[in-house]
Amino acid sequence: MATQIEETLKRIQTSDGVIGFVIVNNAGIPIKSNMDDTMSVRYAGLVQQLIGTSQVAIKKDDPTDKLTYLRLRTKHNEILVIPDKHYTMVVIQKPTGSRSPM
């Protein structure tokens, strides 16, 4: 299983446009990352807040629903957030294409 995880992380890292990734535990602590410690901690903290706020908004709309994937696009980066029961995966990448925001 650990080998599969390492292979998956390696595949993510080598994907076009990927700047970095961080895996965060439920306490908001980065446990694995290919970014420096400062950036890993920064993304971990910000993403934990974003997940909490998003979950509150989702529960207000439908108490039985839950956040499964979050994609945030800025002018410079795209942040993909995949929360799970014990860990959250965060991938930072350069946005592709030149689509205009709606």
Protein backbone atom coordinates (compact mmCIF):
# COMPACT_ATOMS: atom_id res chain seq x y z
CA MET A 1 0.00 0.00 0.00
CA ALA A 2 2.78 2.48 0.89
CA THR A 3 4.40 1.81 -2.49
CA GLN A 4 1.14 2.64 -4.28
CA ILE A 5 0.85 5.88 -2.35
CA GLU A 6 4.43 6.88 -3.16
CA GLU A 7 3.88 6.05 -6.84
CA THR A 8 0.70 8.13 -6.90
CA LEU A 9 2.46 11.09 -5.26
CA LYS A 10 5.31 10.81 -7.74
CA ARG A 11 2.82 10.78 -10.62
CA ILE A 12 1.09 13.88 -9.22
CA GLN A 13 4.41 15.72 -8.79
CA THR A 14 5.43 15.05 -12.38
CA SER A 15 2.10 16.11 -13.88
CA ASP A 16 2.20 19.21 -16.08
CA GLY A 17 1.69 22.41 -14.16
CA VAL A 18 1.91 20.94 -10.66
CA ILE A 19 3.80 23.25 -8.32
CA GLY A 20 3.49 21.18 -5.20
CA PHE A 21 1.39 19.09 -2.87
CA VAL A 22 0.84 18.72 0.85
CA ILE A 23 -0.98 16.03 2.80
CA VAL A 24 -2.50 17.34 6.02
CA ASN A 25 -3.82 15.34 8.98
CA ASN A 26 -7.07 16.24 10.75
CA ALA A 27 -5.17 18.39 13.25
CA GLY A 28 -4.05 20.61 10.36
CA ILE A 29 -0.44 19.42 10.49
CA PRO A 30 1.36 18.75 7.21
CA ILE A 31 2.61 15.16 7.25
CA LYS A 32 3.99 14.91 3.72
CA SER A 33 4.88 17.59 1.21
CA ASN A 34 7.26 18.43 -1.59
CA MET A 35 7.23 22.13 -0.66
CA ASP A 36 9.31 23.87 1.98
CA ASP A 37 8.05 23.82 5.58
CA THR A 38 6.84 27.42 5.56
CA MET A 39 4.66 26.94 2.47
CA SER A 40 3.40 23.56 3.68
CA VAL A 41 2.27 25.02 7.01
CA ARG A 42 0.74 28.05 5.30
CA TYR A 43 -1.34 25.98 2.86
CA ALA A 44 -2.30 23.50 5.59
CA GLY A 45 -3.68 26.23 7.83
CA LEU A 46 -5.49 28.12 5.11
CA VAL A 47 -7.03 24.98 3.62
CA GLN A 48 -8.26 23.77 7.04
CA GLN A 49 -10.09 27.09 7.47
CA LEU A 50 -11.50 26.89 3.94
CA ILE A 51 -12.75 23.33 4.49
CA GLY A 52 -14.42 24.31 7.76
CA THR A 53 -16.20 27.28 6.23
CA SER A 54 -17.24 25.27 3.16
CA GLN A 55 -18.63 22.43 5.27
CA VAL A 56 -20.74 24.85 7.31
CA ALA A 57 -22.17 26.36 4.11
CA ILE A 58 -22.88 22.93 2.63
CA LYS A 59 -24.60 21.68 5.81
CA LYS A 60 -26.83 24.77 5.87
CA ASP A 61 -28.06 23.89 2.39
CA ASP A 62 -28.36 20.13 2.97
CA PRO A 63 -27.50 18.60 6.38
CA THR A 64 -26.89 15.19 4.79
CA ASP A 65 -24.36 16.43 2.24
CA LYS A 66 -20.58 16.71 2.69
CA LEU A 67 -17.58 18.27 0.98
CA THR A 68 -15.77 15.80 -1.28
CA TYR A 69 -13.68 18.05 -3.53
CA LEU A 70 -12.88 21.72 -3.72
CA ARG A 71 -11.21 23.56 -6.58
CA LEU A 72 -10.13 27.14 -6.14
CA ARG A 73 -8.71 29.05 -9.08
CA THR A 74 -6.90 32.38 -8.86
CA LYS A 75 -5.07 34.40 -11.50
CA HIS A 76 -1.83 32.61 -10.69
CA ASN A 77 -2.65 29.20 -9.22
CA GLU A 78 -5.25 26.53 -8.90
CA ILE A 79 -5.65 24.81 -5.54
CA LEU A 80 -7.25 21.37 -5.47
CA VAL A 81 -8.47 20.17 -2.08
CA ILE A 82 -9.55 16.58 -1.48
CA PRO A 83 -10.65 16.05 2.13
CA ASP A 84 -10.99 12.53 3.48
CA LYS A 85 -11.79 10.97 6.84
CA HIS A 86 -8.25 11.20 8.27
CA TYR A 87 -6.26 13.30 5.79
CA THR A 88 -6.62 16.10 3.27
CA MET A 89 -4.71 16.23 0.02
CA VAL A 90 -3.85 19.66 -1.38
CA VAL A 91 -2.36 20.11 -4.84
CA ILE A 92 -1.20 23.48 -6.11
CA GLN A 93 -0.87 23.84 -9.87
CA LYS A 94 -0.70 26.42 -12.60
CA PRO A 95 -4.11 26.87 -14.24
CA THR A 96 -4.37 25.55 -17.76
CA GLY A 97 -6.11 27.20 -20.66
CA SER A 98 -7.29 30.75 -20.88
CA ARG A 99 -10.91 30.34 -19.90
CA SER A 100 -12.57 33.42 -18.52
CA PRO A 101 -14.24 33.16 -15.13
CA MET A 102 -18.02 32.99 -15.37
